[in-house]
Protein backbone atom coordinates (compact mmCIF):
# COMPACT_ATOMS: atom_id res chain seq x y z
CA MET A 1 19.57 -52.30 21.64
CA SER A 2 20.91 -53.25 25.06
CA PRO A 3 22.19 -56.75 25.92
CA LEU A 4 19.12 -57.27 28.11
CA GLU A 5 16.83 -56.42 25.21
CA HIS A 6 18.72 -58.82 22.94
CA GLN A 7 18.26 -61.51 25.59
CA PHE A 8 14.53 -60.78 25.87
CA PHE A 9 13.95 -61.03 22.12
CA ASP A 10 15.95 -64.26 21.86
CA GLU A 11 14.13 -65.85 24.78
CA ALA A 12 10.75 -64.61 23.52
CA ARG A 13 11.32 -66.29 20.16
CA ASP A 14 12.27 -69.52 21.94
CA ASN A 15 9.13 -69.31 24.08
CA LEU A 16 6.97 -68.75 21.00
CA ASP A 17 8.50 -71.85 19.42
CA ALA A 18 7.74 -73.78 22.61
CA MET A 19 4.14 -72.50 22.60
CA GLU A 20 3.70 -73.59 18.98
CA ARG A 21 5.06 -77.07 19.69
CA GLY A 22 2.82 -77.39 22.72
CA LEU A 23 -0.31 -76.24 20.89
CA LEU A 24 0.34 -78.60 18.00
CA SER A 25 0.79 -81.48 20.44
CA LEU A 26 -2.74 -80.88 21.74
CA ASP A 27 -4.02 -82.26 18.42
CA SER A 28 -1.94 -85.44 18.41
CA GLN A 29 -1.45 -86.14 22.12
CA GLY A 30 -4.56 -84.68 23.67
CA THR A 31 -5.00 -82.23 26.53
CA GLY A 32 -2.78 -82.66 29.56
CA GLN A 33 -2.47 -80.34 32.53
CA GLY A 34 1.31 -80.35 32.29
CA ARG A 35 1.20 -79.50 28.58
CA LEU A 36 -1.22 -76.61 29.09
CA ASP A 37 0.82 -75.37 32.05
CA ALA A 38 3.98 -75.31 29.91
CA ILE A 39 2.22 -73.31 27.17
CA PHE A 40 0.87 -70.90 29.76
CA ARG A 41 4.31 -70.42 31.35
CA ALA A 42 5.85 -69.61 27.97
CA ALA A 43 3.18 -66.99 27.26
CA HIS A 44 3.56 -65.59 30.76
CA SER A 45 7.33 -65.23 30.37
CA ILE A 46 6.87 -63.32 27.12
CA LYS A 47 4.35 -61.00 28.75
CA GLY A 48 6.56 -60.31 31.72
CA GLY A 49 9.58 -59.50 29.57
CA ALA A 50 7.55 -57.32 27.23
CA ALA A 51 6.15 -55.44 30.21
CA ALA A 52 9.69 -54.77 31.44
CA PHE A 53 10.52 -53.05 28.14
CA ARG A 54 7.13 -51.30 27.84
CA LEU A 55 6.16 -53.24 24.70
CA THR A 56 2.47 -52.67 25.33
CA ASP A 57 1.13 -54.33 22.18
CA ILE A 58 2.93 -57.60 22.97
CA VAL A 59 1.83 -57.37 26.61
CA GLN A 60 -1.82 -56.94 25.61
CA LEU A 61 -1.70 -59.78 23.09
CA THR A 62 -0.01 -62.29 25.39
CA HIS A 63 -2.33 -61.32 28.24
CA GLY A 64 -5.27 -62.18 26.00
CA VAL A 65 -3.59 -65.50 25.22
CA GLU A 66 -3.06 -66.11 28.95
CA SER A 67 -6.72 -65.48 29.69
CA LEU A 68 -7.81 -68.02 27.12
CA LEU A 69 -5.21 -70.55 28.27
CA GLU A 70 -6.33 -70.09 31.88
CA ARG A 71 -9.85 -71.15 30.90
CA LEU A 72 -8.42 -74.18 29.13
CA ARG A 73 -6.31 -75.09 32.17
CA SER A 74 -9.32 -74.86 34.48
CA GLY A 75 -11.44 -77.03 32.18
CA GLN A 76 -13.97 -74.26 31.50
CA LEU A 77 -13.12 -74.52 27.79
CA LEU A 78 -11.98 -77.45 25.66
CA PRO A 79 -9.09 -77.04 23.19
CA ASP A 80 -11.02 -77.73 20.01
CA ALA A 81 -9.49 -77.11 16.58
CA ALA A 82 -10.89 -73.58 16.36
CA LEU A 83 -9.34 -72.49 19.67
CA VAL A 84 -6.00 -74.09 18.84
CA ASP A 85 -6.01 -72.30 15.47
CA LEU A 86 -6.76 -69.02 17.22
CA LEU A 87 -3.89 -69.49 19.66
CA LEU A 88 -1.53 -70.44 16.82
CA GLU A 89 -2.54 -67.22 15.05
CA ALA A 90 -1.65 -65.36 18.23
CA VAL A 91 1.79 -66.99 18.20
CA ASP A 92 2.31 -65.79 14.63
CA ALA A 93 1.09 -62.30 15.52
CA ALA A 94 3.50 -62.13 18.45
CA ARG A 95 6.35 -63.17 16.16
CA ASN A 96 5.44 -60.38 13.76
CA LEU A 97 5.35 -57.85 16.58
CA LEU A 98 8.78 -58.96 17.75
CA ALA A 99 10.19 -58.76 14.22
CA ARG A 100 8.89 -55.31 13.34
CA GLN A 101 11.55 -52.67 12.95
CA ALA A 102 9.85 -49.66 14.55
CA PRO A 103 7.47 -49.19 17.48
CA SER A 104 5.06 -47.10 15.43
CA ALA A 105 1.69 -48.54 14.44
CA GLY A 106 1.70 -50.66 11.34
CA PRO A 107 0.25 -53.84 9.80
CA ALA A 108 1.68 -56.08 12.55
CA VAL A 109 0.18 -53.92 15.31
CA ASP A 110 -3.17 -53.60 13.55
CA ALA A 111 -3.38 -57.36 12.98
CA ALA A 112 -2.50 -58.02 16.62
CA ALA A 113 -5.20 -55.62 17.80
CA SER A 114 -7.79 -57.41 15.67
CA LEU A 115 -6.64 -60.79 16.95
CA LEU A 116 -6.79 -59.56 20.54
CA GLN A 117 -10.47 -58.78 20.08
CA ARG A 118 -11.06 -62.33 18.85
CA LEU A 119 -9.17 -63.75 21.84
CA ARG A 120 -11.32 -61.72 24.21
CA ALA A 121 -14.47 -62.81 22.41
CA ALA A 122 -13.44 -66.44 22.88
CA THR A 123 -12.73 -65.95 26.59
CA PRO A 124 -15.55 -65.71 29.14
CA ASP A 125 -15.69 -62.42 31.01
CA LYS A 126 -13.25 -62.36 33.91
CA THR A 127 -14.21 -58.94 35.23
CA ALA A 128 -15.79 -60.44 38.32
CA ASP A 129 -12.52 -62.15 39.20
CA ILE A 130 -10.48 -58.93 39.22
CA ALA A 131 -11.88 -57.79 42.56
CA ALA A 132 -11.66 -61.27 44.07
CA ARG A 133 -8.43 -60.51 46.00
CA CYS A 134 -7.24 -57.46 47.87
CA LEU A 135 -3.51 -57.35 48.59
CA GLU A 136 -0.88 -55.16 50.14
CA ILE A 137 2.42 -55.25 48.27
CA ARG A 138 5.66 -53.84 49.68
CA ILE A 139 8.79 -53.46 47.56
CA GLY A 140 12.28 -52.54 48.70
CA PRO A 141 14.73 -51.44 49.80
CA LEU A 142 15.99 -50.57 46.31
CA GLU A 143 18.97 -48.66 44.98
CA GLN A 144 16.89 -47.57 41.96
CA ILE A 145 13.44 -46.75 43.25
CA GLU A 146 12.11 -46.17 39.72
CA ASN A 147 12.14 -49.97 39.30
CA ALA A 148 9.42 -50.18 41.95
CA ASP A 149 7.50 -47.36 40.28
CA ALA A 150 7.46 -49.47 37.07
CA ILE A 151 5.28 -51.99 38.90
CA ALA A 152 2.39 -49.53 38.79
CA HIS A 153 2.75 -49.25 35.01
CA LEU A 154 2.12 -52.99 34.67
CA PHE A 155 -1.43 -52.55 35.96
CA ARG A 156 -1.98 -49.71 33.54
CA ASP A 157 -0.51 -51.52 30.51
CA ILE A 158 -1.98 -54.99 31.08
CA ALA A 159 -5.72 -54.86 30.62
CA GLY A 160 -7.58 -56.95 33.19
CA LEU A 161 -4.63 -57.31 35.57
CA GLY A 162 -6.42 -55.23 38.19
CA GLU A 163 -6.21 -51.94 40.08
CA ILE A 164 -3.27 -50.50 42.02
CA THR A 165 -3.14 -47.65 44.54
CA PRO A 166 0.04 -46.23 46.17
CA LEU A 167 0.27 -46.42 49.96
CA PRO A 168 2.38 -44.17 52.23
CA VAL A 169 5.82 -45.48 53.25
CA GLU A 170 8.38 -44.35 55.80
CA ARG A 171 11.49 -45.02 53.68
CA ALA A 172 12.41 -43.27 50.44
CA ASP A 173 13.96 -46.48 49.02
CA SER A 174 10.72 -48.47 49.35
CA ARG A 175 7.21 -48.47 47.88
CA ALA A 176 3.89 -49.90 49.02
CA PHE A 177 0.70 -50.51 47.05
CA ARG A 178 -2.87 -51.67 47.62
CA VAL A 179 -3.86 -54.02 44.81
CA ARG A 180 -7.16 -55.56 43.71
CA THR A 181 -6.54 -58.40 41.28
CA GLY A 182 -7.55 -61.84 40.14
CA ALA A 183 -3.92 -62.83 39.56
CA THR A 184 -2.23 -65.31 41.86
CA ASP A 185 0.79 -64.44 43.99
CA GLN A 186 2.95 -66.56 41.68
CA GLU A 187 1.74 -64.67 38.60
CA LEU A 188 2.39 -61.32 40.26
CA MET A 189 5.86 -62.38 41.38
CA ASP A 190 6.70 -63.54 37.86
CA LEU A 191 5.70 -60.13 36.48
CA PHE A 192 7.50 -58.13 39.16
CA ALA A 193 10.69 -60.16 38.75
CA PHE A 194 11.49 -58.31 35.53
CA HIS A 195 11.85 -55.08 37.55
CA VAL A 196 12.87 -56.05 41.09
CA ALA A 197 14.41 -59.04 42.83
CA ARG A 198 11.94 -61.56 44.22
CA ASP A 199 13.35 -61.33 47.74
CA GLN A 200 12.56 -57.59 47.71
CA VAL A 201 8.82 -58.20 47.27
CA VAL A 202 6.38 -59.01 50.06
CA ILE A 203 2.74 -59.78 49.26
CA ARG A 204 0.20 -59.81 52.09
CA PRO A 205 -3.53 -60.46 51.75
CA VAL A 206 -5.61 -57.68 53.24
CA LEU A 207 -8.11 -58.72 55.95
CA SER A 208 -6.46 -62.12 56.12
CA VAL A 209 -5.26 -63.49 59.46
CA PRO A 210 -2.49 -64.28 59.90
CA ALA A 211 -0.78 -62.20 57.22
CA GLN A 212 1.97 -64.22 55.59
CA GLU A 213 4.91 -63.08 53.56
CA VAL A 214 5.36 -64.69 50.18
CA SER A 215 8.88 -65.53 49.06
CA ILE A 216 9.30 -67.37 45.78
CA GLN A 217 12.62 -68.84 44.74
CA GLN A 218 14.14 -68.05 41.36
CA PRO A 219 13.25 -70.95 38.93
CA GLU A 220 16.19 -73.15 38.02
CA THR A 221 17.62 -72.41 34.55
CA ALA A 222 18.37 -75.50 32.48
CA THR A 223 20.14 -73.80 29.58
CA ILE A 224 22.27 -70.76 28.90
CA ARG A 225 22.37 -68.76 25.67
CA VAL A 226 25.81 -68.22 24.13
CA ALA A 227 26.53 -66.01 21.11
CA LEU A 228 27.86 -67.96 18.12
CA ASN A 229 30.84 -65.64 17.71
CA LYS A 230 31.93 -66.57 21.24
CA LEU A 231 31.68 -70.26 20.36
CA ASP A 232 33.70 -69.67 17.20
CA HIS A 233 36.36 -67.89 19.25
CA LEU A 234 36.42 -70.75 21.75
CA GLY A 235 36.83 -73.19 18.87
CA SER A 236 39.79 -71.18 17.56
CA LEU A 237 41.41 -71.26 20.99
CA VAL A 238 40.98 -75.04 21.13
CA GLU A 239 42.66 -75.37 17.71
CA ALA A 240 45.57 -73.22 18.92
CA PHE A 241 45.73 -75.36 22.06
CA ALA A 242 46.01 -78.52 19.93
CA ALA A 243 48.65 -76.95 17.68
CA ASN A 244 50.79 -75.99 20.69
CA HIS A 245 50.45 -79.51 22.02
CA ALA A 246 51.77 -80.90 18.74
CA ALA A 247 54.69 -78.46 18.78
CA LEU A 248 55.62 -79.48 22.32
CA GLU A 249 55.49 -83.12 21.31
CA ARG A 250 57.94 -82.48 18.48
CA CYS A 251 60.33 -80.58 20.75
CA SER A 252 60.27 -83.36 23.35
CA ARG A 253 62.06 -85.72 20.99
CA ALA A 254 65.26 -83.67 21.33
CA LEU A 255 65.42 -84.18 25.10
CA GLY A 256 67.36 -86.81 27.02
CA PRO A 257 65.68 -90.16 27.78
CA GLY A 258 64.63 -89.31 31.34
CA ALA A 259 63.27 -85.85 30.58
CA HIS A 260 61.69 -87.16 27.41
CA ALA A 261 59.78 -89.89 29.27
CA GLN A 262 58.54 -87.42 31.89
CA LEU A 263 57.44 -84.91 29.26
CA VAL A 264 55.74 -87.59 27.17
CA ALA A 265 53.63 -88.62 30.18
CA SER A 266 52.56 -85.01 30.69
CA LEU A 267 51.84 -84.60 26.98
CA ASP A 268 49.69 -87.75 26.99
CA SER A 269 47.57 -86.25 29.76
CA LEU A 270 47.42 -82.95 27.92
CA HIS A 271 46.42 -84.77 24.72
CA ALA A 272 43.50 -86.46 26.49
CA THR A 273 42.38 -83.12 27.90
CA THR A 274 42.61 -81.53 24.44
CA ASP A 275 40.48 -84.28 22.93
CA ASP A 276 37.83 -83.84 25.64
CA LEU A 277 37.84 -80.08 25.18
CA GLN A 278 37.43 -80.37 21.40
CA ARG A 279 34.56 -82.79 21.85
CA VAL A 280 32.80 -80.52 24.35
CA VAL A 281 33.17 -77.45 22.12
CA GLY A 282 31.81 -79.40 19.16
CA ASN A 283 28.79 -80.57 21.18
CA ILE A 284 27.89 -77.05 22.31
CA ARG A 285 26.68 -76.22 18.79
CA MET A 286 24.65 -79.42 18.50
CA VAL A 287 20.86 -79.37 18.83
CA PRO A 288 18.28 -82.17 18.43
CA VAL A 289 16.92 -82.10 14.90
CA GLY A 290 13.48 -82.71 16.40
CA LEU A 291 13.37 -79.02 17.37
CA ALA A 292 12.75 -78.24 13.71
CA PHE A 293 10.01 -80.85 13.28
CA GLY A 294 7.37 -78.75 15.04
CA ARG A 295 7.16 -76.33 12.13
CA PHE A 296 6.31 -79.21 9.79
CA THR A 297 3.45 -80.30 12.04
CA ARG A 298 2.19 -76.73 11.82
CA LEU A 299 2.68 -76.74 8.04
CA LEU A 300 0.55 -79.88 7.64
CA ARG A 301 -2.16 -78.34 9.78
CA GLN A 302 -2.28 -75.31 7.49
CA LEU A 303 -2.13 -77.36 4.29
CA SER A 304 -4.97 -79.57 5.52
CA HIS A 305 -7.25 -76.52 5.50
CA ILE A 306 -5.95 -75.11 2.20
CA LEU A 307 -6.01 -78.39 0.24
CA SER A 308 -9.10 -79.93 1.93
CA LYS A 309 -7.05 -83.02 2.73
CA ARG A 310 -6.55 -84.97 5.94
CA LEU A 311 -2.84 -85.15 6.73
CA VAL A 312 -0.68 -86.56 9.52
CA LEU A 313 3.07 -86.29 10.07
CA VAL A 314 5.14 -89.25 11.30
CA THR A 315 8.73 -88.53 12.30
CA SER A 316 11.79 -90.51 13.29
CA GLY A 317 15.30 -89.56 14.31
CA GLU A 318 14.20 -86.56 16.39
CA SER A 319 16.93 -87.19 18.97
CA ILE A 320 19.77 -87.02 16.44
CA GLU A 321 21.89 -83.96 17.16
CA LEU A 322 23.29 -81.77 14.38
CA ASP A 323 25.07 -78.45 14.21
CA LYS A 324 22.48 -75.70 14.66
CA ALA A 325 23.56 -74.00 11.42
CA LEU A 326 23.06 -77.26 9.49
CA VAL A 327 19.58 -77.73 10.95
CA GLU A 328 18.64 -74.23 9.78
CA GLN A 329 20.02 -74.94 6.29
CA ILE A 330 17.93 -78.08 5.74
CA ILE A 331 14.64 -76.51 6.83
CA ASP A 332 13.85 -74.76 3.53
CA PRO A 333 14.47 -77.72 1.18
CA VAL A 334 12.61 -80.10 3.50
CA THR A 335 9.70 -77.65 3.66
CA HIS A 336 9.58 -77.66 -0.16
CA LEU A 337 9.52 -81.46 -0.23
CA VAL A 338 6.78 -81.69 2.38
CA ARG A 339 4.61 -79.15 0.52
CA ASN A 340 5.03 -81.10 -2.71
CA SER A 341 4.12 -84.36 -1.00
CA CYS A 342 0.96 -82.82 0.45
CA ASP A 343 -0.13 -81.13 -2.77
CA HIS A 344 1.02 -83.50 -5.53
CA GLY A 345 1.35 -86.81 -3.70
CA ILE A 346 -1.50 -87.14 -1.22
CA GLU A 347 -4.91 -87.57 -2.85
CA LEU A 348 -8.21 -86.03 -1.78
CA PRO A 349 -10.14 -88.11 0.80
CA LYS A 350 -12.69 -89.37 -1.74
CA GLU A 351 -9.91 -90.48 -4.11
CA ARG A 352 -8.14 -92.32 -1.29
CA ARG A 353 -11.37 -94.07 -0.30
CA ALA A 354 -11.91 -95.15 -3.90
CA ALA A 355 -8.36 -96.56 -3.98
CA GLY A 356 -8.95 -98.49 -0.76
CA LYS A 357 -6.69 -96.24 1.30
CA PRO A 358 -7.42 -94.54 4.62
CA GLU A 359 -8.70 -90.99 4.24
CA VAL A 360 -5.77 -89.63 6.23
CA GLY A 361 -2.62 -89.24 4.16
CA THR A 362 0.69 -89.85 5.92
CA ILE A 363 3.85 -87.82 5.43
CA THR A 364 6.92 -89.49 6.94
CA LEU A 365 9.94 -87.36 7.81
CA SER A 366 13.03 -89.26 8.93
CA VAL A 367 16.59 -88.32 9.74
CA CYS A 368 19.50 -90.74 10.15
CA ILE A 369 23.28 -90.74 10.12
CA GLN A 370 25.04 -92.71 7.37
CA GLY A 371 28.76 -92.64 7.90
CA THR A 372 29.78 -88.98 7.84
CA SER A 373 26.57 -87.90 6.07
CA VAL A 374 23.11 -86.94 7.30
CA LEU A 375 20.25 -88.52 5.37
CA VAL A 376 16.92 -86.68 5.44
CA GLU A 377 14.00 -88.47 3.78
CA VAL A 378 10.45 -87.37 3.04
CA HIS A 379 7.95 -90.10 2.13
CA ASP A 380 4.22 -89.98 1.46
CA ASP A 381 1.64 -92.73 0.91
CA GLY A 382 0.03 -90.88 -1.99
CA ARG A 383 -0.35 -91.58 -5.68
CA GLY A 384 3.34 -91.21 -6.56
CA LEU A 385 4.74 -89.47 -9.62
CA SER A 386 2.78 -89.55 -12.87
CA ARG A 387 5.09 -90.43 -15.77
CA GLU A 388 2.72 -88.91 -18.32
CA GLY A 389 2.13 -85.80 -16.19
CA VAL A 390 5.85 -85.10 -15.73
CA MET A 391 6.58 -85.61 -19.43
CA ARG A 392 3.69 -83.35 -20.41
CA ALA A 393 4.83 -80.61 -18.03
CA ALA A 394 8.40 -80.82 -19.37
CA ARG A 395 7.24 -80.57 -22.99
CA LYS A 396 5.26 -77.43 -22.12
CA ARG A 397 8.60 -75.92 -21.12
CA GLY A 398 10.06 -76.78 -24.54
CA ILE A 399 12.13 -79.70 -23.27
CA GLN A 400 12.73 -82.60 -25.65
CA VAL A 401 11.20 -85.67 -23.99
CA PRO A 402 11.29 -88.83 -26.13
CA GLU A 403 8.80 -91.58 -25.28
CA GLN A 404 11.56 -94.17 -24.82
CA MET A 405 13.00 -92.38 -21.78
CA SER A 406 13.33 -94.66 -18.77
CA ASP A 407 11.37 -93.95 -15.61
CA ALA A 408 14.57 -92.91 -13.85
CA GLN A 409 15.26 -90.33 -16.57
CA VAL A 410 11.69 -89.02 -16.44
CA TRP A 411 11.86 -88.59 -12.66
CA GLN A 412 14.93 -86.39 -13.11
CA LEU A 413 12.77 -83.90 -15.01
CA VAL A 414 11.07 -82.76 -11.79
CA PHE A 415 14.38 -81.19 -10.74
CA ILE A 416 14.23 -78.73 -13.64
CA ALA A 417 13.01 -75.27 -12.67
CA GLY A 418 9.69 -74.43 -14.28
CA VAL A 419 8.43 -78.01 -14.51
CA SER A 420 5.25 -78.48 -12.47
CA THR A 421 2.46 -81.02 -12.78
CA ALA A 422 0.01 -78.72 -10.98
CA GLU A 423 -3.00 -77.82 -13.11
CA THR A 424 -3.31 -74.34 -11.63
CA ILE A 425 -1.06 -71.95 -9.72
CA THR A 426 -2.02 -71.73 -6.05
CA ASN A 427 -0.49 -70.42 -2.85
CA VAL A 428 0.89 -73.92 -2.30
CA SER A 429 2.43 -74.83 -5.65
CA GLY A 430 2.29 -74.51 -9.41
CA ARG A 431 5.13 -72.04 -9.92
CA GLY A 432 7.56 -74.76 -10.98
CA VAL A 433 10.28 -73.82 -8.54
CA GLY A 434 11.80 -77.24 -9.11
CA MET A 435 13.03 -79.83 -6.65
């Protein structure tokens, strides 16, 4: 796989994460034009990159997502729970397509094809819009003319994008096309940018006076992706830098008073620079822990359907930054805790009403720094642990559990693998994995 392909797959995964966070925020924060625009841009970036590498199945799926999002952006559709669920399914399907090992048809491709049909069924027919605009597009001059020829493949691979017809040109390093499409100039430029530079593309409306050239600037990039092995190497260089500084400081003591004073001043400056460099290198690996919280919002949404419970997630400490590797390590255990809170802790709505509680159960996920440690806490406002239930489950596993055990001792039993208070085994719990 080429470096460009690696970059596409990395950025596509980031865009899918951004789409998921945006879609989940529609439930809690409501519809906003800026939020829908951000989701649409993420989908559009994935489609454009996939088109550049001829990943037709991903192109078709994300184009279907775009069509549905476009109707939401224009207000023709409202983002009800069913549509949000459908779009979240599309995010999962796109992830599966990206993760598959071979381009041949398989379960991921079949599932995506089925989902694409559902996306199209949920989107009003846009056929009439395809012929709404007639354009002349000129591309070049190019050193590799096949990059311009790839533009024609986009209209073949992306259903509903429109029709394209080659036009005669005088130069061998240029191409011209007549296009009928419902896409905007911006959308076309975004697609073409994966094959040719933006300043090499001119779009003119046909039968429009005066004809105007369209030149779109490259969007500003806020972040840059760096391989972890490069960061590790940079960290090693910083450590060597600090070690050399210490060695120089030791050697300076053998010098005369004048030379020693001059060298000490230089070493002090070098020491300050070393400290700054170490701090910067350490911060490069840091990411806000809130980036991982989106998956728990999604998890509660899924569990709400499975368990027939009403659930809401409250978070705090999202801005705290941790090493990316540490954030990834805490995701699995926190996911296990959240699932247990939803299944074992939060009661069914009718039980909560009978207990004088609101029907919606609250899961609180908080992160804070305590000294040199990171404290992650999961709370729920459910029924709490059942002393009798835990003791009964432990005895079923053949564990000696005397009645005089203190509550603190009983609570420790839930950490034993195989102990589960669930009555039946479900997709959520009951296997007794242990805390």
